[in-house]
Amino acid sequence: MGDGVARLENAVWQAGVLPGTGASLAYGRVKGRSGAVDVLRPTPPEQFGNSSGCSSFIMLPWCNRIKGGVLRFRGQGYPLRTTKDDGTARHGDTRGRAWTVESADGEHVRLSLRSADYPDLNWPFRFTAEVVYQLEGSDFIWEVTLRNTDTRAFPAGFGHHPYFVRTEDVSVRVPCAAAFELTDFMATGAAVPIPARLDFRQRRGLDAAEINDVLTGRMGSKPAEIVYPSRGITVEMHSEAIFEQILLFAPAGKDFFAVEPMTNVSDGFNLFEDGVPGSGVFVLEPGEAISGRVRLRAKT
């Protein structure tokens, strides 16, 4: 780990973890018929310190955006620092922090973070977090646990932001029957039946249109699928029910796209405070913890 990468490998997967950059991923490769192939967008070494340039990063203790950078909860407003480009609080505040490696071997790494270790952390409540990356046969497992170590209850959410390699023949299935109407990428109300442009219940290619939308109404335990026909590789994303939302991000003209399992929708905290159903926001009482697991299952 001299270059800051914790390396995992088994007969199916190769993966790299960056403890110093929010427990982000540096790469994720599947051993296919022509050797190890990147399915997650590989991170250039010069980007190892930049979570946005990584293969995947963790969003915690909230996913995506909070409008105006104000966390509203039980009648109070808590100001958060905002990003310069859109004036929202975005993607939580752990992806740029150094996580502690608690244990590791060639097929797993367990990392932890204490908010109390970072007095400038952009969240008004104390918490601890743990992430475990584990290789188990054909599965690459990501498990996140969030615990309230404050004396007050607080709302929260978490998720993953994996970037997948985009090839000409890649196709995607996202088994969701609803979506949110967004303004400035943030939900404005409860979910509606999925429109045709976002209907990926049947596997299809990514066209040239820009996609940056939150899908919901998951169809039971059916996994999302990313299929690379020319490489003979399929990756199934099995995410537990706590991940109520999947954000599909396919920027036009780029060689990557994202399929993001998230607990809460963009600006879900405002929806939650306003009593709108389906926000995906959960509340942790003092001492309470909650976990969520995602399995990337490779098939060759």
C-alpha atoms as a PDB file:
ATOM      1  CA  MET A   1       0.000   0.000   0.000  1.00  0.00           C
ATOM      2  CA  GLY A   2       2.975   2.270  -0.596  1.00  0.00           C
ATOM      3  CA  ASP A   3       0.999   4.287  -3.136  1.00  0.00           C
ATOM      4  CA  GLY A   4      -2.007   4.544  -0.820  1.00  0.00           C
ATOM      5  CA  VAL A   5      -3.999   1.774  -2.545  1.00  0.00           C
ATOM      6  CA  ALA A   6      -5.308  -1.233  -0.637  1.00  0.00           C
ATOM      7  CA  ARG A   7      -5.428  -4.005  -3.245  1.00  0.00           C
ATOM      8  CA  LEU A   8      -7.953  -6.835  -3.292  1.00  0.00           C
ATOM      9  CA  GLU A   9      -7.896  -9.790  -5.673  1.00  0.00           C
ATOM     10  CA  ASN A  10      -9.460 -13.197  -6.134  1.00  0.00           C
ATOM     11  CA  ALA A  11     -10.175 -15.463  -9.107  1.00  0.00           C
ATOM     12  CA  VAL A  12     -12.799 -13.070 -10.505  1.00  0.00           C
ATOM     13  CA  TRP A  13     -12.094  -9.514  -9.314  1.00  0.00           C
ATOM     14  CA  GLN A  14      -9.268  -7.034  -8.897  1.00  0.00           C
ATOM     15  CA  ALA A  15     -10.083  -3.919  -6.873  1.00  0.00           C
ATOM     16  CA  GLY A  16      -8.224  -1.014  -5.326  1.00  0.00           C
ATOM     17  CA  VAL A  17      -9.362   1.026  -2.318  1.00  0.00           C
ATOM     18  CA  LEU A  18      -8.120   4.511  -1.375  1.00  0.00           C
ATOM     19  CA  PRO A  19      -8.409   4.897   2.433  1.00  0.00           C
ATOM     20  CA  GLY A  20      -6.990   8.421   2.328  1.00  0.00           C
ATOM     21  CA  THR A  21      -9.613   9.615  -0.164  1.00  0.00           C
ATOM     22  CA  GLY A  22     -12.908   8.849   1.489  1.00  0.00           C
ATOM     23  CA  ALA A  23     -12.560   5.058   1.149  1.00  0.00           C
ATOM     24  CA  SER A  24     -13.127   5.584  -2.567  1.00  0.00           C
ATOM     25  CA  LEU A  25     -12.284   2.991  -5.207  1.00  0.00           C
ATOM     26  CA  ALA A  26      -9.292   3.337  -7.513  1.00  0.00           C
ATOM     27  CA  TYR A  27     -10.364   0.568  -9.907  1.00  0.00           C
ATOM     28  CA  GLY A  28     -12.610  -2.452 -10.277  1.00  0.00           C
ATOM     29  CA  ARG A  29     -11.715  -5.121 -12.836  1.00  0.00           C
ATOM     30  CA  VAL A  30     -13.279  -8.418 -13.862  1.00  0.00           C
ATOM     31  CA  LYS A  31     -11.153 -11.279 -15.113  1.00  0.00           C
ATOM     32  CA  GLY A  32     -12.774 -12.095 -18.425  1.00  0.00           C
ATOM     33  CA  ARG A  33     -11.801 -14.187 -21.417  1.00  0.00           C
ATOM     34  CA  SER A  34      -9.052 -11.733 -22.396  1.00  0.00           C
ATOM     35  CA  GLY A  35      -7.686 -11.049 -18.921  1.00  0.00           C
ATOM     36  CA  ALA A  36      -8.591  -8.445 -16.311  1.00  0.00           C
ATOM     37  CA  VAL A  37     -10.897  -5.792 -17.790  1.00  0.00           C
ATOM     38  CA  ASP A  38     -11.917  -2.490 -16.202  1.00  0.00           C
ATOM     39  CA  VAL A  39     -15.657  -2.352 -15.600  1.00  0.00           C
ATOM     40  CA  LEU A  40     -15.379   0.599 -13.223  1.00  0.00           C
ATOM     41  CA  ARG A  41     -13.782   3.684 -14.736  1.00  0.00           C
ATOM     42  CA  PRO A  42     -10.098   3.435 -13.730  1.00  0.00           C
ATOM     43  CA  THR A  43      -8.605   6.274 -11.717  1.00  0.00           C
ATOM     44  CA  PRO A  44      -5.419   7.893 -13.060  1.00  0.00           C
ATOM     45  CA  PRO A  45      -2.781   7.966 -10.295  1.00  0.00           C
ATOM     46  CA  GLU A  46      -2.747  11.764 -10.382  1.00  0.00           C
ATOM     47  CA  GLN A  47      -6.450  11.661  -9.410  1.00  0.00           C
ATOM     48  CA  PHE A  48      -6.027   9.361  -6.403  1.00  0.00           C
ATOM     49  CA  GLY A  49      -6.561  12.330  -4.078  1.00  0.00           C
ATOM     50  CA  ASN A  50      -9.698  13.536  -5.856  1.00  0.00           C
ATOM     51  CA  SER A  51     -12.828  11.509  -5.103  1.00  0.00           C
ATOM     52  CA  SER A  52     -14.642  12.931  -8.146  1.00  0.00           C
ATOM     53  CA  GLY A  53     -11.955  11.398 -10.350  1.00  0.00           C
ATOM     54  CA  CYS A  54     -12.152   7.990  -8.674  1.00  0.00           C
ATOM     55  CA  SER A  55     -13.886   4.836  -9.853  1.00  0.00           C
ATOM     56  CA  SER A  56     -16.486   5.158  -7.106  1.00  0.00           C
ATOM     57  CA  PHE A  57     -16.981   7.214  -3.959  1.00  0.00           C
ATOM     58  CA  ILE A  58     -19.245   7.028  -0.915  1.00  0.00           C
ATOM     59  CA  MET A  59     -21.925   9.643  -0.266  1.00  0.00           C
ATOM     60  CA  LEU A  60     -22.523  10.032   3.479  1.00  0.00           C
ATOM     61  CA  PRO A  61     -24.309  11.209   5.645  1.00  0.00           C
ATOM     62  CA  TRP A  62     -26.485  12.306   2.740  1.00  0.00           C
ATOM     63  CA  CYS A  63     -26.734  11.547  -0.977  1.00  0.00           C
ATOM     64  CA  ASN A  64     -26.646  14.046  -3.779  1.00  0.00           C
ATOM     65  CA  ARG A  65     -27.962  17.573  -3.136  1.00  0.00           C
ATOM     66  CA  ILE A  66     -29.563  19.567  -0.319  1.00  0.00           C
ATOM     67  CA  LYS A  67     -31.169  22.702  -1.723  1.00  0.00           C
ATOM     68  CA  GLY A  68     -29.586  25.951  -0.598  1.00  0.00           C
ATOM     69  CA  GLY A  69     -27.321  24.073   1.801  1.00  0.00           C
ATOM     70  CA  VAL A  70     -29.912  24.184   4.605  1.00  0.00           C
ATOM     71  CA  LEU A  71     -30.702  20.941   6.426  1.00  0.00           C
ATOM     72  CA  ARG A  72     -34.249  21.179   7.770  1.00  0.00           C
ATOM     73  CA  PHE A  73     -35.247  18.785  10.543  1.00  0.00           C
ATOM     74  CA  ARG A  74     -38.055  18.932  13.071  1.00  0.00           C
ATOM     75  CA  GLY A  75     -38.662  22.609  12.547  1.00  0.00           C
ATOM     76  CA  GLN A  76     -35.031  23.722  12.726  1.00  0.00           C
ATOM     77  CA  GLY A  77     -32.657  24.736   9.965  1.00  0.00           C
ATOM     78  CA  TYR A  78     -28.967  23.813  10.023  1.00  0.00           C
ATOM     79  CA  PRO A  79     -26.741  25.655   7.501  1.00  0.00           C
ATOM     80  CA  LEU A  80     -24.230  23.562   5.592  1.00  0.00           C
ATOM     81  CA  ARG A  81     -21.344  24.636   3.395  1.00  0.00           C
ATOM     82  CA  THR A  82     -22.304  24.682  -0.266  1.00  0.00           C
ATOM     83  CA  THR A  83     -20.525  23.913  -3.519  1.00  0.00           C
ATOM     84  CA  LYS A  84     -19.627  26.899  -5.651  1.00  0.00           C
ATOM     85  CA  ASP A  85     -21.138  25.678  -8.908  1.00  0.00           C
ATOM     86  CA  ASP A  86     -24.759  25.289  -7.823  1.00  0.00           C
ATOM     87  CA  GLY A  87     -25.124  26.561  -4.253  1.00  0.00           C
ATOM     88  CA  THR A  88     -26.208  23.186  -2.859  1.00  0.00           C
ATOM     89  CA  ALA A  89     -24.644  20.938  -0.240  1.00  0.00           C
ATOM     90  CA  ARG A  90     -23.633  17.925  -2.312  1.00  0.00           C
ATOM     91  CA  HIS A  91     -22.612  14.286  -1.872  1.00  0.00           C
ATOM     92  CA  GLY A  92     -22.045  14.352   1.887  1.00  0.00           C
ATOM     93  CA  ASP A  93     -18.741  15.155   3.592  1.00  0.00           C
ATOM     94  CA  THR A  94     -16.725  11.979   3.995  1.00  0.00           C
ATOM     95  CA  ARG A  95     -15.430  11.385   0.466  1.00  0.00           C
ATOM     96  CA  GLY A  96     -12.533  13.788   0.931  1.00  0.00           C
ATOM     97  CA  ARG A  97     -11.640  12.574   4.409  1.00  0.00           C
ATOM     98  CA  ALA A  98      -9.048  10.012   5.427  1.00  0.00           C
ATOM     99  CA  TRP A  99     -10.572   6.781   6.734  1.00  0.00           C
ATOM    100  CA  THR A 100      -8.773   4.441   9.148  1.00  0.00           C
ATOM    101  CA  VAL A 101      -7.956   0.899   8.015  1.00  0.00           C
ATOM    102  CA  GLU A 102      -9.176  -1.367  10.817  1.00  0.00           C
ATOM    103  CA  SER A 103      -8.361  -4.680   9.155  1.00  0.00           C
ATOM    104  CA  ALA A 104      -7.300  -5.901   5.727  1.00  0.00           C
ATOM    105  CA  ASP A 105      -6.126  -8.896   3.773  1.00  0.00           C
ATOM    106  CA  GLY A 106      -6.022  -9.825   0.103  1.00  0.00           C
ATOM    107  CA  GLU A 107      -9.800 -10.156  -0.187  1.00  0.00           C
ATOM    108  CA  HIS A 108     -11.232  -7.600   2.248  1.00  0.00           C
ATOM    109  CA  VAL A 109     -10.624  -4.243   3.868  1.00  0.00           C
ATOM    110  CA  ARG A 110     -12.595  -2.660   6.712  1.00  0.00           C
ATOM    111  CA  LEU A 111     -12.356   1.081   7.255  1.00  0.00           C
ATOM    112  CA  SER A 112     -13.843   3.491   9.772  1.00  0.00           C
ATOM    113  CA  LEU A 113     -14.377   7.208  10.259  1.00  0.00           C
ATOM    114  CA  ARG A 114     -15.327   9.284  13.315  1.00  0.00           C
ATOM    115  CA  SER A 115     -16.867  12.663  12.636  1.00  0.00           C
ATOM    116  CA  ALA A 116     -15.425  13.917  15.946  1.00  0.00           C
ATOM    117  CA  ASP A 117     -11.949  13.608  14.416  1.00  0.00           C
ATOM    118  CA  TYR A 118     -12.881  16.335  11.921  1.00  0.00           C
ATOM    119  CA  PRO A 119     -14.123  19.505  13.686  1.00  0.00           C
ATOM    120  CA  ASP A 120     -14.792  21.124  10.297  1.00  0.00           C
ATOM    121  CA  LEU A 121     -16.965  18.249   9.038  1.00  0.00           C
ATOM    122  CA  ASN A 122     -19.977  19.626   7.178  1.00  0.00           C
ATOM    123  CA  TRP A 123     -22.685  18.090   9.375  1.00  0.00           C
ATOM    124  CA  PRO A 124     -24.176  19.353  12.664  1.00  0.00           C
ATOM    125  CA  PHE A 125     -24.455  15.931  14.341  1.00  0.00           C
ATOM    126  CA  ARG A 126     -21.845  13.436  15.504  1.00  0.00           C
ATOM    127  CA  PHE A 127     -21.591  10.004  13.929  1.00  0.00           C
ATOM    128  CA  THR A 128     -19.274   7.148  13.129  1.00  0.00           C
ATOM    129  CA  ALA A 129     -19.176   5.249   9.862  1.00  0.00           C
ATOM    130  CA  GLU A 130     -17.725   1.969   8.677  1.00  0.00           C
ATOM    131  CA  VAL A 131     -17.282   0.548   5.206  1.00  0.00           C
ATOM    132  CA  VAL A 132     -16.278  -2.995   4.315  1.00  0.00           C
ATOM    133  CA  TYR A 133     -15.142  -4.016   0.843  1.00  0.00           C
ATOM    134  CA  GLN A 134     -15.092  -7.792   0.399  1.00  0.00           C
ATOM    135  CA  LEU A 135     -14.422 -10.163  -2.481  1.00  0.00           C
ATOM    136  CA  GLU A 136     -16.501 -13.319  -2.189  1.00  0.00           C
ATOM    137  CA  GLY A 137     -16.355 -15.538  -5.249  1.00  0.00           C
ATOM    138  CA  SER A 138     -17.947 -13.624  -8.129  1.00  0.00           C
ATOM    139  CA  ASP A 139     -19.244 -10.906  -5.791  1.00  0.00           C
ATOM    140  CA  PHE A 140     -17.584  -7.587  -4.963  1.00  0.00           C
ATOM    141  CA  ILE A 141     -19.408  -6.525  -1.786  1.00  0.00           C
ATOM    142  CA  TRP A 142     -19.734  -2.954  -0.495  1.00  0.00           C
ATOM    143  CA  GLU A 143     -21.230  -2.538   2.987  1.00  0.00           C
ATOM    144  CA  VAL A 144     -21.732   0.796   4.752  1.00  0.00           C
ATOM    145  CA  THR A 145     -22.788   1.319   8.380  1.00  0.00           C
ATOM    146  CA  LEU A 146     -23.725   4.693   9.872  1.00  0.00           C
ATOM    147  CA  ARG A 147     -24.129   5.148  13.651  1.00  0.00           C
ATOM    148  CA  ASN A 148     -25.491   8.139  15.562  1.00  0.00           C
ATOM    149  CA  THR A 149     -23.027   9.034  18.347  1.00  0.00           C
ATOM    150  CA  ASP A 150     -24.763  12.321  19.119  1.00  0.00           C
ATOM    151  CA  THR A 151     -27.204  13.052  21.938  1.00  0.00           C
ATOM    152  CA  ARG A 152     -29.845  14.097  19.388  1.00  0.00           C
ATOM    153  CA  ALA A 153     -31.700  12.251  16.662  1.00  0.00           C
ATOM    154  CA  PHE A 154     -30.810  13.213  13.103  1.00  0.00           C
ATOM    155  CA  PRO A 155     -31.923  12.466   9.532  1.00  0.00           C
ATOM    156  CA  ALA A 156     -29.430  10.807   7.212  1.00  0.00           C
ATOM    157  CA  GLY A 157     -28.741   8.869   4.061  1.00  0.00           C
ATOM    158  CA  PHE A 158     -25.900   7.203   2.220  1.00  0.00           C
ATOM    159  CA  GLY A 159     -25.061   5.759  -1.153  1.00  0.00           C
ATOM    160  CA  HIS A 160     -22.413   4.875  -3.689  1.00  0.00           C
ATOM    161  CA  HIS A 161     -21.376   6.766  -6.805  1.00  0.00           C
ATOM    162  CA  PRO A 162     -19.750   4.177  -9.110  1.00  0.00           C
ATOM    163  CA  TYR A 163     -18.655   5.189 -12.602  1.00  0.00           C
ATOM    164  CA  PHE A 164     -18.798   2.362 -15.133  1.00  0.00           C
ATOM    165  CA  VAL A 165     -16.823   2.147 -18.357  1.00  0.00           C
ATOM    166  CA  ARG A 166     -19.011   3.135 -21.309  1.00  0.00           C
ATOM    167  CA  THR A 167     -18.422   1.132 -24.480  1.00  0.00           C
ATOM    168  CA  GLU A 168     -20.287   1.366 -27.769  1.00  0.00           C
ATOM    169  CA  ASP A 169     -22.198  -1.831 -27.100  1.00  0.00           C
ATOM    170  CA  VAL A 170     -22.892  -1.530 -23.365  1.00  0.00           C
ATOM    171  CA  SER A 171     -26.521  -1.977 -22.328  1.00  0.00           C
ATOM    172  CA  VAL A 172     -28.209  -1.315 -19.014  1.00  0.00           C
ATOM    173  CA  ARG A 173     -31.210  -2.569 -17.087  1.00  0.00           C
ATOM    174  CA  VAL A 174     -32.571  -0.650 -14.088  1.00  0.00           C
ATOM    175  CA  PRO A 175     -35.678  -2.388 -12.719  1.00  0.00           C
ATOM    176  CA  CYS A 176     -37.549   0.684 -11.468  1.00  0.00           C
ATOM    177  CA  ALA A 177     -41.149   1.596 -12.276  1.00  0.00           C
ATOM    178  CA  ALA A 178     -41.117   5.243 -11.165  1.00  0.00           C
ATOM    179  CA  ALA A 179     -38.968   8.355 -11.292  1.00  0.00           C
ATOM    180  CA  PHE A 180     -38.803  11.800  -9.747  1.00  0.00           C
ATOM    181  CA  GLU A 181     -39.478  15.023 -11.583  1.00  0.00           C
ATOM    182  CA  LEU A 182     -36.415  17.193 -11.043  1.00  0.00           C
ATOM    183  CA  THR A 183     -35.652  20.888 -11.137  1.00  0.00           C
ATOM    184  CA  ASP A 184     -31.932  21.709 -11.153  1.00  0.00           C
ATOM    185  CA  PHE A 185     -31.365  17.968 -10.544  1.00  0.00           C
ATOM    186  CA  MET A 186     -33.439  18.003  -7.332  1.00  0.00           C
ATOM    187  CA  ALA A 187     -36.766  16.295  -6.678  1.00  0.00           C
ATOM    188  CA  THR A 188     -39.776  18.585  -6.414  1.00  0.00           C
ATOM    189  CA  GLY A 189     -42.357  16.086  -5.150  1.00  0.00           C
ATOM    190  CA  ALA A 190     -43.319  12.451  -4.894  1.00  0.00           C
ATOM    191  CA  ALA A 191     -42.288  10.024  -7.619  1.00  0.00           C
ATOM    192  CA  VAL A 192     -44.406   9.569 -10.758  1.00  0.00           C
ATOM    193  CA  PRO A 193     -44.751   6.628 -13.198  1.00  0.00           C
ATOM    194  CA  ILE A 194     -41.548   6.273 -15.143  1.00  0.00           C
ATOM    195  CA  PRO A 195     -41.479   8.148 -18.472  1.00  0.00           C
ATOM    196  CA  ALA A 196     -40.412   6.327 -21.628  1.00  0.00           C
ATOM    197  CA  ARG A 197     -37.035   8.058 -21.865  1.00  0.00           C
ATOM    198  CA  LEU A 198     -36.060   6.660 -18.441  1.00  0.00           C
ATOM    199  CA  ASP A 199     -37.668   3.243 -18.740  1.00  0.00           C
ATOM    200  CA  PHE A 200     -34.817   0.768 -18.404  1.00  0.00           C
ATOM    201  CA  ARG A 201     -36.928  -2.092 -17.056  1.00  0.00           C
ATOM    202  CA  GLN A 202     -35.925  -3.934 -20.197  1.00  0.00           C
ATOM    203  CA  ARG A 203     -32.226  -3.860 -20.958  1.00  0.00           C
ATOM    204  CA  ARG A 204     -31.301  -1.234 -23.545  1.00  0.00           C
ATOM    205  CA  GLY A 205     -28.375   0.822 -24.761  1.00  0.00           C
ATOM    206  CA  LEU A 206     -27.490   4.320 -23.668  1.00  0.00           C
ATOM    207  CA  ASP A 207     -28.396   6.717 -26.450  1.00  0.00           C
ATOM    208  CA  ALA A 208     -26.887  10.142 -27.068  1.00  0.00           C
ATOM    209  CA  ALA A 209     -29.360  11.935 -24.796  1.00  0.00           C
ATOM    210  CA  GLU A 210     -28.137  13.358 -21.501  1.00  0.00           C
ATOM    211  CA  ILE A 211     -29.430  11.397 -18.492  1.00  0.00           C
ATOM    212  CA  ASN A 212     -29.119  12.597 -14.897  1.00  0.00           C
ATOM    213  CA  ASP A 213     -32.233  11.247 -13.200  1.00  0.00           C
ATOM    214  CA  VAL A 214     -33.354   9.436 -10.069  1.00  0.00           C
ATOM    215  CA  LEU A 215     -35.329   6.212 -10.574  1.00  0.00           C
ATOM    216  CA  THR A 216     -37.340   4.535  -7.834  1.00  0.00           C
ATOM    217  CA  GLY A 217     -40.215   2.113  -7.375  1.00  0.00           C
ATOM    218  CA  ARG A 218     -37.820  -0.817  -7.391  1.00  0.00           C
ATOM    219  CA  MET A 219     -39.232  -4.099  -8.664  1.00  0.00           C
ATOM    220  CA  GLY A 220     -38.564  -6.361  -5.719  1.00  0.00           C
ATOM    221  CA  SER A 221     -35.055  -7.755  -5.464  1.00  0.00           C
ATOM    222  CA  LYS A 222     -34.296  -7.699  -9.186  1.00  0.00           C
ATOM    223  CA  PRO A 223     -30.758  -6.441  -9.769  1.00  0.00           C
ATOM    224  CA  ALA A 224     -29.643  -3.690 -12.077  1.00  0.00           C
ATOM    225  CA  GLU A 225     -27.510  -5.016 -14.947  1.00  0.00           C
ATOM    226  CA  ILE A 226     -24.598  -3.654 -16.951  1.00  0.00           C
ATOM    227  CA  VAL A 227     -23.831  -5.862 -19.974  1.00  0.00           C
ATOM    228  CA  TYR A 228     -20.699  -5.702 -22.158  1.00  0.00           C
ATOM    229  CA  PRO A 229     -21.401  -8.089 -25.075  1.00  0.00           C
ATOM    230  CA  SER A 230     -18.071  -7.654 -26.846  1.00  0.00           C
ATOM    231  CA  ARG A 231     -16.219  -8.380 -23.612  1.00  0.00           C
ATOM    232  CA  GLY A 232     -18.432 -11.267 -22.565  1.00  0.00           C
ATOM    233  CA  ILE A 233     -18.995  -9.642 -19.157  1.00  0.00           C
ATOM    234  CA  THR A 234     -22.184  -8.877 -17.238  1.00  0.00           C
ATOM    235  CA  VAL A 235     -22.199  -7.047 -13.910  1.00  0.00           C
ATOM    236  CA  GLU A 236     -25.304  -7.380 -11.759  1.00  0.00           C
ATOM    237  CA  MET A 237     -25.860  -4.783  -9.032  1.00  0.00           C
ATOM    238  CA  HIS A 238     -27.745  -6.347  -6.126  1.00  0.00           C
ATOM    239  CA  SER A 239     -28.537  -3.554  -3.658  1.00  0.00           C
ATOM    240  CA  GLU A 240     -30.511  -4.060  -0.464  1.00  0.00           C
ATOM    241  CA  ALA A 241     -33.959  -2.526  -0.050  1.00  0.00           C
ATOM    242  CA  ILE A 242     -32.649   0.435   1.966  1.00  0.00           C
ATOM    243  CA  PHE A 243     -31.269   1.759  -1.326  1.00  0.00           C
ATOM    244  CA  GLU A 244     -34.699   2.910  -2.500  1.00  0.00           C
ATOM    245  CA  GLN A 245     -33.347   5.065  -5.321  1.00  0.00           C
ATOM    246  CA  ILE A 246     -31.000   4.525  -8.251  1.00  0.00           C
ATOM    247  CA  LEU A 247     -29.539   7.556  -9.956  1.00  0.00           C
ATOM    248  CA  LEU A 248     -28.702   6.973 -13.611  1.00  0.00           C
ATOM    249  CA  PHE A 249     -26.115   9.421 -14.911  1.00  0.00           C
ATOM    250  CA  ALA A 250     -25.061   9.184 -18.546  1.00  0.00           C
ATOM    251  CA  PRO A 251     -23.393  12.405 -19.710  1.00  0.00           C
ATOM    252  CA  ALA A 252     -23.350  12.839 -23.473  1.00  0.00           C
ATOM    253  CA  GLY A 253     -20.023  12.262 -25.187  1.00  0.00           C
ATOM    254  CA  LYS A 254     -18.237  10.764 -22.173  1.00  0.00           C
ATOM    255  CA  ASP A 255     -16.624   7.350 -21.848  1.00  0.00           C
ATOM    256  CA  PHE A 256     -18.323   6.606 -18.529  1.00  0.00           C
ATOM    257  CA  PHE A 257     -21.737   6.499 -16.911  1.00  0.00           C
ATOM    258  CA  ALA A 258     -22.980   5.951 -13.365  1.00  0.00           C
ATOM    259  CA  VAL A 259     -25.571   3.689 -11.764  1.00  0.00           C
ATOM    260  CA  GLU A 260     -25.799   4.964  -8.185  1.00  0.00           C
ATOM    261  CA  PRO A 261     -27.614   3.068  -5.415  1.00  0.00           C
ATOM    262  CA  MET A 262     -28.837   5.680  -2.927  1.00  0.00           C
ATOM    263  CA  THR A 263     -31.058   5.650   0.146  1.00  0.00           C
ATOM    264  CA  ASN A 264     -32.434   9.163  -0.373  1.00  0.00           C
ATOM    265  CA  VAL A 265     -33.450  11.083  -3.469  1.00  0.00           C
ATOM    266  CA  SER A 266     -31.795  14.393  -4.393  1.00  0.00           C
ATOM    267  CA  ASP A 267     -33.099  17.058  -1.975  1.00  0.00           C
ATOM    268  CA  GLY A 268     -34.885  14.273  -0.131  1.00  0.00           C
ATOM    269  CA  PHE A 269     -34.312  15.994   3.205  1.00  0.00           C
ATOM    270  CA  ASN A 270     -36.601  18.847   2.244  1.00  0.00           C
ATOM    271  CA  LEU A 271     -39.193  16.383   0.955  1.00  0.00           C
ATOM    272  CA  PHE A 272     -38.955  14.453   4.213  1.00  0.00           C
ATOM    273  CA  GLU A 273     -39.402  17.567   6.342  1.00  0.00           C
ATOM    274  CA  ASP A 274     -42.417  18.531   4.238  1.00  0.00           C
ATOM    275  CA  GLY A 275     -43.998  15.104   4.718  1.00  0.00           C
ATOM    276  CA  VAL A 276     -43.640  13.984   1.074  1.00  0.00           C
ATOM    277  CA  PRO A 277     -43.532  10.164   0.904  1.00  0.00           C
ATOM    278  CA  GLY A 278     -40.738   8.207  -0.733  1.00  0.00           C
ATOM    279  CA  SER A 279     -37.812  10.500   0.103  1.00  0.00           C
ATOM    280  CA  GLY A 280     -35.724   7.593   1.382  1.00  0.00           C
ATOM    281  CA  VAL A 281     -34.420   9.665   4.304  1.00  0.00           C
ATOM    282  CA  PHE A 282     -34.107   7.729   7.568  1.00  0.00           C
ATOM    283  CA  VAL A 283     -33.798   9.026  11.144  1.00  0.00           C
ATOM    284  CA  LEU A 284     -31.233   7.654  13.574  1.00  0.00           C
ATOM    285  CA  GLU A 285     -31.847   7.993  17.293  1.00  0.00           C
ATOM    286  CA  PRO A 286     -28.826   8.392  19.630  1.00  0.00           C
ATOM    287  CA  GLY A 287     -26.817   5.174  19.594  1.00  0.00           C
ATOM    288  CA  GLU A 288     -28.757   3.709  16.678  1.00  0.00           C
ATOM    289  CA  ALA A 289     -27.006   2.329  13.578  1.00  0.00           C
ATOM    290  CA  ILE A 290     -28.138   1.311  10.118  1.00  0.00           C
ATOM    291  CA  SER A 291     -26.355  -0.603   7.359  1.00  0.00           C
ATOM    292  CA  GLY A 292     -26.744  -1.227   3.652  1.00  0.00           C
ATOM    293  CA  ARG A 293     -25.032  -3.683   1.338  1.00  0.00           C
ATOM    294  CA  VAL A 294     -24.433  -3.673  -2.417  1.00  0.00           C
ATOM    295  CA  ARG A 295     -23.102  -6.681  -4.338  1.00  0.00           C
ATOM    296  CA  LEU A 296     -21.555  -6.333  -7.776  1.00  0.00           C
ATOM    297  CA  ARG A 297     -21.827  -9.837  -9.218  1.00  0.00           C
ATOM    298  CA  ALA A 298     -19.653 -10.571 -12.233  1.00  0.00           C
ATOM    299  CA  LYS A 299     -20.700 -13.074 -14.860  1.00  0.00           C
ATOM    300  CA  THR A 300     -18.388 -14.100 -17.682  1.00  0.00           C
END
